[in-house]
Amino acid sequence: MTPAEIGRIVRAARRAQGLRQDQLAGAAGVGIRFLSELERGKPTVRLEKVITVLDALGCTLRVENPWGEAEPAEAASGEEASGEAAARRTVDLAGGQPRRAWSSE
């Protein structure tokens, strides 16, 4: 998933709910400039604010541990996991829209 893809999802969810950028920005407590940059896919937006916008839209964000419930021993001991395993992510975004799942490997 890229920042541009997240931006397209946010824009589509906002429009599907009939909201203008200023309305969503106000509901989420973020600035219009931030929301505009998010929708355009700016890669350096703050994650905390992205989550706030997703929440205001009724979207959910889920990141799954690639190892299931338990982490591998090396990750639990504080060492970095392998690049391949650490790169796997699954996120679902939904906000009155069909559930979307993605994985980046």
N, C-alpha and C. Protein backbone atom coordinates (compact mmCIF):
# COMPACT_ATOMS: atom_id res chain seq x y z
N MET A 1 0.86 -1.16 0.00
CA MET A 1 0.00 0.00 0.00
C MET A 1 0.90 1.22 0.00
N THR A 2 0.57 2.17 -0.83
CA THR A 2 1.35 3.40 -0.92
C THR A 2 0.57 4.56 -0.30
N PRO A 3 1.24 5.65 0.02
CA PRO A 3 0.53 6.83 0.50
C PRO A 3 -0.52 7.31 -0.51
N ALA A 4 -0.23 7.19 -1.80
CA ALA A 4 -1.20 7.61 -2.83
C ALA A 4 -2.45 6.74 -2.77
N GLU A 5 -2.28 5.44 -2.53
CA GLU A 5 -3.44 4.55 -2.43
C GLU A 5 -4.29 4.89 -1.20
N ILE A 6 -3.63 5.17 -0.09
CA ILE A 6 -4.37 5.58 1.12
C ILE A 6 -5.12 6.87 0.84
N GLY A 7 -4.47 7.81 0.18
CA GLY A 7 -5.11 9.07 -0.16
C GLY A 7 -6.35 8.88 -1.02
N ARG A 8 -6.26 7.98 -2.00
CA ARG A 8 -7.42 7.71 -2.86
C ARG A 8 -8.56 7.09 -2.06
N ILE A 9 -8.24 6.22 -1.12
CA ILE A 9 -9.26 5.61 -0.27
C ILE A 9 -9.94 6.67 0.59
N VAL A 10 -9.15 7.55 1.19
CA VAL A 10 -9.71 8.62 2.03
C VAL A 10 -10.61 9.51 1.20
N ARG A 11 -10.15 9.93 0.04
CA ARG A 11 -10.95 10.79 -0.83
C ARG A 11 -12.26 10.10 -1.23
N ALA A 12 -12.17 8.83 -1.62
CA ALA A 12 -13.38 8.10 -2.04
C ALA A 12 -14.37 7.97 -0.89
N ALA A 13 -13.88 7.65 0.31
CA ALA A 13 -14.76 7.52 1.47
C ALA A 13 -15.40 8.85 1.82
N ARG A 14 -14.62 9.93 1.75
CA ARG A 14 -15.15 11.27 2.04
C ARG A 14 -16.26 11.63 1.06
N ARG A 15 -15.99 11.43 -0.22
CA ARG A 15 -16.98 11.76 -1.26
C ARG A 15 -18.22 10.88 -1.15
N ALA A 16 -18.02 9.59 -0.84
CA ALA A 16 -19.16 8.68 -0.70
C ALA A 16 -20.09 9.12 0.42
N GLN A 17 -19.53 9.79 1.42
CA GLN A 17 -20.33 10.28 2.55
C GLN A 17 -20.83 11.70 2.32
N GLY A 18 -20.53 12.26 1.14
CA GLY A 18 -21.01 13.60 0.80
C GLY A 18 -20.37 14.71 1.60
N LEU A 19 -19.12 14.51 2.01
CA LEU A 19 -18.42 15.51 2.82
C LEU A 19 -17.46 16.32 1.97
N ARG A 20 -17.37 17.61 2.29
CA ARG A 20 -16.33 18.46 1.71
C ARG A 20 -15.08 18.30 2.57
N GLN A 21 -13.94 18.70 2.02
CA GLN A 21 -12.70 18.59 2.78
C GLN A 21 -12.78 19.38 4.08
N ASP A 22 -13.34 20.57 4.06
CA ASP A 22 -13.40 21.36 5.29
C ASP A 22 -14.28 20.70 6.35
N GLN A 23 -15.33 20.00 5.93
CA GLN A 23 -16.20 19.31 6.89
C GLN A 23 -15.47 18.14 7.54
N LEU A 24 -14.79 17.34 6.73
CA LEU A 24 -14.04 16.21 7.28
C LEU A 24 -12.90 16.69 8.15
N ALA A 25 -12.19 17.71 7.70
CA ALA A 25 -11.08 18.25 8.48
C ALA A 25 -11.57 18.71 9.85
N GLY A 26 -12.71 19.40 9.89
CA GLY A 26 -13.28 19.85 11.16
C GLY A 26 -13.68 18.69 12.05
N ALA A 27 -14.32 17.67 11.47
CA ALA A 27 -14.76 16.51 12.24
C ALA A 27 -13.57 15.74 12.81
N ALA A 28 -12.47 15.70 12.06
CA ALA A 28 -11.29 14.95 12.48
C ALA A 28 -10.34 15.79 13.34
N GLY A 29 -10.55 17.10 13.37
CA GLY A 29 -9.65 17.96 14.15
C GLY A 29 -8.30 18.16 13.49
N VAL A 30 -8.29 18.12 12.16
CA VAL A 30 -7.05 18.37 11.42
C VAL A 30 -7.29 19.56 10.49
N GLY A 31 -6.23 20.09 9.95
CA GLY A 31 -6.34 21.21 9.05
C GLY A 31 -6.71 20.77 7.64
N ILE A 32 -7.31 21.69 6.89
CA ILE A 32 -7.66 21.39 5.51
C ILE A 32 -6.41 21.09 4.70
N ARG A 33 -5.33 21.81 4.97
CA ARG A 33 -4.09 21.55 4.25
C ARG A 33 -3.61 20.12 4.47
N PHE A 34 -3.66 19.66 5.73
CA PHE A 34 -3.25 18.28 6.02
C PHE A 34 -4.11 17.30 5.23
N LEU A 35 -5.43 17.48 5.27
CA LEU A 35 -6.33 16.57 4.59
C LEU A 35 -6.07 16.57 3.08
N SER A 36 -5.83 17.73 2.53
CA SER A 36 -5.53 17.84 1.10
C SER A 36 -4.25 17.08 0.76
N GLU A 37 -3.23 17.25 1.59
CA GLU A 37 -1.96 16.54 1.36
C GLU A 37 -2.14 15.03 1.51
N LEU A 38 -2.94 14.61 2.47
CA LEU A 38 -3.21 13.19 2.67
C LEU A 38 -3.89 12.61 1.43
N GLU A 39 -4.91 13.30 0.94
CA GLU A 39 -5.64 12.81 -0.23
C GLU A 39 -4.77 12.80 -1.49
N ARG A 40 -3.78 13.67 -1.55
CA ARG A 40 -2.86 13.69 -2.69
C ARG A 40 -1.74 12.67 -2.54
N GLY A 41 -1.68 11.99 -1.40
CA GLY A 41 -0.69 10.94 -1.21
C GLY A 41 0.67 11.40 -0.74
N LYS A 42 0.72 12.53 -0.05
CA LYS A 42 2.00 13.00 0.47
C LYS A 42 2.59 11.95 1.41
N PRO A 43 3.81 11.51 1.17
CA PRO A 43 4.37 10.40 1.95
C PRO A 43 4.82 10.76 3.37
N THR A 44 4.85 12.02 3.72
CA THR A 44 5.38 12.39 5.03
C THR A 44 4.30 12.88 6.01
N VAL A 45 3.04 12.54 5.78
CA VAL A 45 1.99 12.95 6.71
C VAL A 45 2.14 12.18 8.02
N ARG A 46 1.64 12.77 9.10
CA ARG A 46 1.75 12.15 10.42
C ARG A 46 0.75 11.01 10.58
N LEU A 47 1.24 9.86 10.96
CA LEU A 47 0.40 8.68 11.12
C LEU A 47 -0.73 8.92 12.11
N GLU A 48 -0.45 9.58 13.20
CA GLU A 48 -1.48 9.85 14.21
C GLU A 48 -2.66 10.59 13.59
N LYS A 49 -2.38 11.58 12.75
CA LYS A 49 -3.45 12.33 12.11
C LYS A 49 -4.17 11.50 11.05
N VAL A 50 -3.44 10.65 10.34
CA VAL A 50 -4.07 9.77 9.36
C VAL A 50 -5.09 8.88 10.06
N ILE A 51 -4.72 8.31 11.19
CA ILE A 51 -5.62 7.44 11.94
C ILE A 51 -6.84 8.23 12.41
N THR A 52 -6.66 9.46 12.82
CA THR A 52 -7.77 10.31 13.25
C THR A 52 -8.74 10.55 12.11
N VAL A 53 -8.22 10.82 10.91
CA VAL A 53 -9.07 11.04 9.74
C VAL A 53 -9.82 9.75 9.40
N LEU A 54 -9.13 8.61 9.40
CA LEU A 54 -9.79 7.34 9.12
C LEU A 54 -10.91 7.07 10.11
N ASP A 55 -10.66 7.37 11.37
CA ASP A 55 -11.66 7.17 12.41
C ASP A 55 -12.87 8.07 12.17
N ALA A 56 -12.63 9.33 11.80
CA ALA A 56 -13.73 10.27 11.54
C ALA A 56 -14.59 9.80 10.37
N LEU A 57 -13.99 9.09 9.43
CA LEU A 57 -14.73 8.57 8.28
C LEU A 57 -15.44 7.25 8.60
N GLY A 58 -15.16 6.70 9.78
CA GLY A 58 -15.74 5.41 10.13
C GLY A 58 -14.95 4.25 9.57
N CYS A 59 -13.74 4.52 9.13
CA CYS A 59 -12.87 3.47 8.59
C CYS A 59 -12.17 2.77 9.74
N THR A 60 -11.73 1.57 9.49
CA THR A 60 -10.93 0.85 10.46
C THR A 60 -9.58 0.56 9.84
N LEU A 61 -8.59 0.53 10.66
CA LEU A 61 -7.22 0.22 10.23
C LEU A 61 -6.75 -0.93 11.09
N ARG A 62 -6.33 -2.00 10.43
CA ARG A 62 -5.86 -3.17 11.17
C ARG A 62 -4.51 -3.58 10.62
N VAL A 63 -3.54 -3.74 11.50
CA VAL A 63 -2.22 -4.24 11.13
C VAL A 63 -2.07 -5.57 11.85
N GLU A 64 -1.82 -6.62 11.09
CA GLU A 64 -1.70 -7.94 11.68
C GLU A 64 -0.25 -8.34 11.81
N ASN A 65 0.04 -8.97 12.91
CA ASN A 65 1.36 -9.53 13.15
C ASN A 65 1.55 -10.69 12.17
N PRO A 66 2.59 -10.68 11.35
CA PRO A 66 2.76 -11.75 10.38
C PRO A 66 3.02 -13.12 11.01
N TRP A 67 3.31 -13.17 12.29
CA TRP A 67 3.59 -14.44 12.97
C TRP A 67 2.38 -14.93 13.73
N GLY A 68 1.25 -14.31 13.59
CA GLY A 68 0.06 -14.71 14.34
C GLY A 68 0.09 -14.09 15.72
N GLU A 69 -0.41 -14.81 16.70
CA GLU A 69 -0.51 -14.29 18.06
C GLU A 69 0.85 -14.12 18.73
N ALA A 70 1.75 -15.06 18.53
CA ALA A 70 3.06 -15.02 19.18
C ALA A 70 4.11 -14.49 18.22
N GLU A 71 5.01 -13.70 18.73
CA GLU A 71 6.13 -13.21 17.93
C GLU A 71 7.24 -14.25 17.94
N PRO A 72 8.06 -14.28 16.89
CA PRO A 72 9.20 -15.20 16.92
C PRO A 72 10.16 -14.80 18.03
N ALA A 73 10.95 -15.74 18.48
CA ALA A 73 11.86 -15.51 19.61
C ALA A 73 12.77 -14.32 19.39
N GLU A 74 13.29 -14.14 18.17
CA GLU A 74 14.22 -13.04 17.96
C GLU A 74 13.53 -11.68 18.06
N ALA A 75 12.25 -11.60 17.65
CA ALA A 75 11.52 -10.33 17.77
C ALA A 75 11.16 -10.08 19.23
N ALA A 76 10.79 -11.12 19.95
CA ALA A 76 10.43 -10.97 21.35
C ALA A 76 11.63 -10.55 22.18
N SER A 77 12.83 -10.94 21.76
CA SER A 77 14.02 -10.60 22.54
C SER A 77 14.54 -9.22 22.21
N GLY A 78 13.84 -8.50 21.33
CA GLY A 78 14.26 -7.15 21.00
C GLY A 78 15.08 -7.05 19.73
N GLU A 79 15.49 -8.19 19.16
CA GLU A 79 16.24 -8.16 17.92
C GLU A 79 15.29 -7.92 16.76
N GLU A 80 15.79 -7.36 15.67
CA GLU A 80 14.95 -7.10 14.50
C GLU A 80 14.58 -8.41 13.83
N ALA A 81 13.34 -8.47 13.35
CA ALA A 81 12.89 -9.63 12.60
C ALA A 81 13.48 -9.57 11.20
N SER A 82 13.40 -10.67 10.48
CA SER A 82 13.94 -10.69 9.12
C SER A 82 13.22 -9.66 8.28
N GLY A 83 13.90 -9.12 7.29
CA GLY A 83 13.31 -8.10 6.42
C GLY A 83 12.07 -8.60 5.73
N GLU A 84 12.11 -9.87 5.28
CA GLU A 84 10.94 -10.43 4.57
C GLU A 84 9.73 -10.49 5.49
N ALA A 85 9.90 -11.01 6.68
CA ALA A 85 8.77 -11.12 7.61
C ALA A 85 8.31 -9.76 8.08
N ALA A 86 9.22 -8.86 8.34
CA ALA A 86 8.84 -7.54 8.82
C ALA A 86 8.14 -6.73 7.75
N ALA A 87 8.35 -7.04 6.49
CA ALA A 87 7.73 -6.27 5.41
C ALA A 87 6.28 -6.65 5.18
N ARG A 88 5.84 -7.84 5.68
CA ARG A 88 4.46 -8.26 5.45
C ARG A 88 3.52 -7.48 6.36
N ARG A 89 2.48 -6.92 5.77
CA ARG A 89 1.48 -6.17 6.52
C ARG A 89 0.12 -6.47 5.92
N THR A 90 -0.90 -6.50 6.74
CA THR A 90 -2.27 -6.62 6.25
C THR A 90 -3.09 -5.56 6.93
N VAL A 91 -3.77 -4.78 6.14
CA VAL A 91 -4.59 -3.69 6.67
C VAL A 91 -5.93 -3.73 5.97
N ASP A 92 -7.01 -3.57 6.72
CA ASP A 92 -8.34 -3.45 6.17
C ASP A 92 -8.83 -2.04 6.43
N LEU A 93 -9.36 -1.39 5.41
CA LEU A 93 -9.96 -0.08 5.56
C LEU A 93 -11.41 -0.22 5.14
N ALA A 94 -12.32 0.18 5.99
CA ALA A 94 -13.73 0.13 5.63
C ALA A 94 -14.43 1.33 6.23
N GLY A 95 -15.33 1.90 5.51
CA GLY A 95 -16.12 3.02 6.00
C GLY A 95 -17.39 3.08 5.17
N GLY A 96 -18.25 2.10 5.33
CA GLY A 96 -19.43 2.03 4.52
C GLY A 96 -19.10 1.59 3.10
N GLN A 97 -17.89 1.19 2.88
CA GLN A 97 -17.42 0.74 1.58
C GLN A 97 -17.09 -0.74 1.69
N PRO A 98 -16.97 -1.43 0.56
CA PRO A 98 -16.52 -2.82 0.66
C PRO A 98 -15.16 -2.88 1.35
N ARG A 99 -14.96 -3.89 2.14
CA ARG A 99 -13.71 -4.04 2.88
C ARG A 99 -12.55 -4.27 1.92
N ARG A 100 -11.50 -3.53 2.09
CA ARG A 100 -10.32 -3.66 1.26
C ARG A 100 -9.20 -4.25 2.10
N ALA A 101 -8.52 -5.22 1.58
CA ALA A 101 -7.37 -5.80 2.28
C ALA A 101 -6.17 -5.68 1.37
N TRP A 102 -5.02 -5.41 1.92
CA TRP A 102 -3.81 -5.32 1.12
C TRP A 102 -2.66 -5.92 1.88
N SER A 103 -1.70 -6.29 1.14
CA SER A 103 -0.49 -6.86 1.71
C SER A 103 0.70 -6.37 0.91
N SER A 104 1.72 -5.93 1.59
CA SER A 104 2.93 -5.46 0.93
C SER A 104 4.04 -6.41 1.28
N GLU A 105 4.60 -7.07 0.30
CA GLU A 105 5.68 -8.04 0.59
C GLU A 105 6.94 -7.61 -0.09
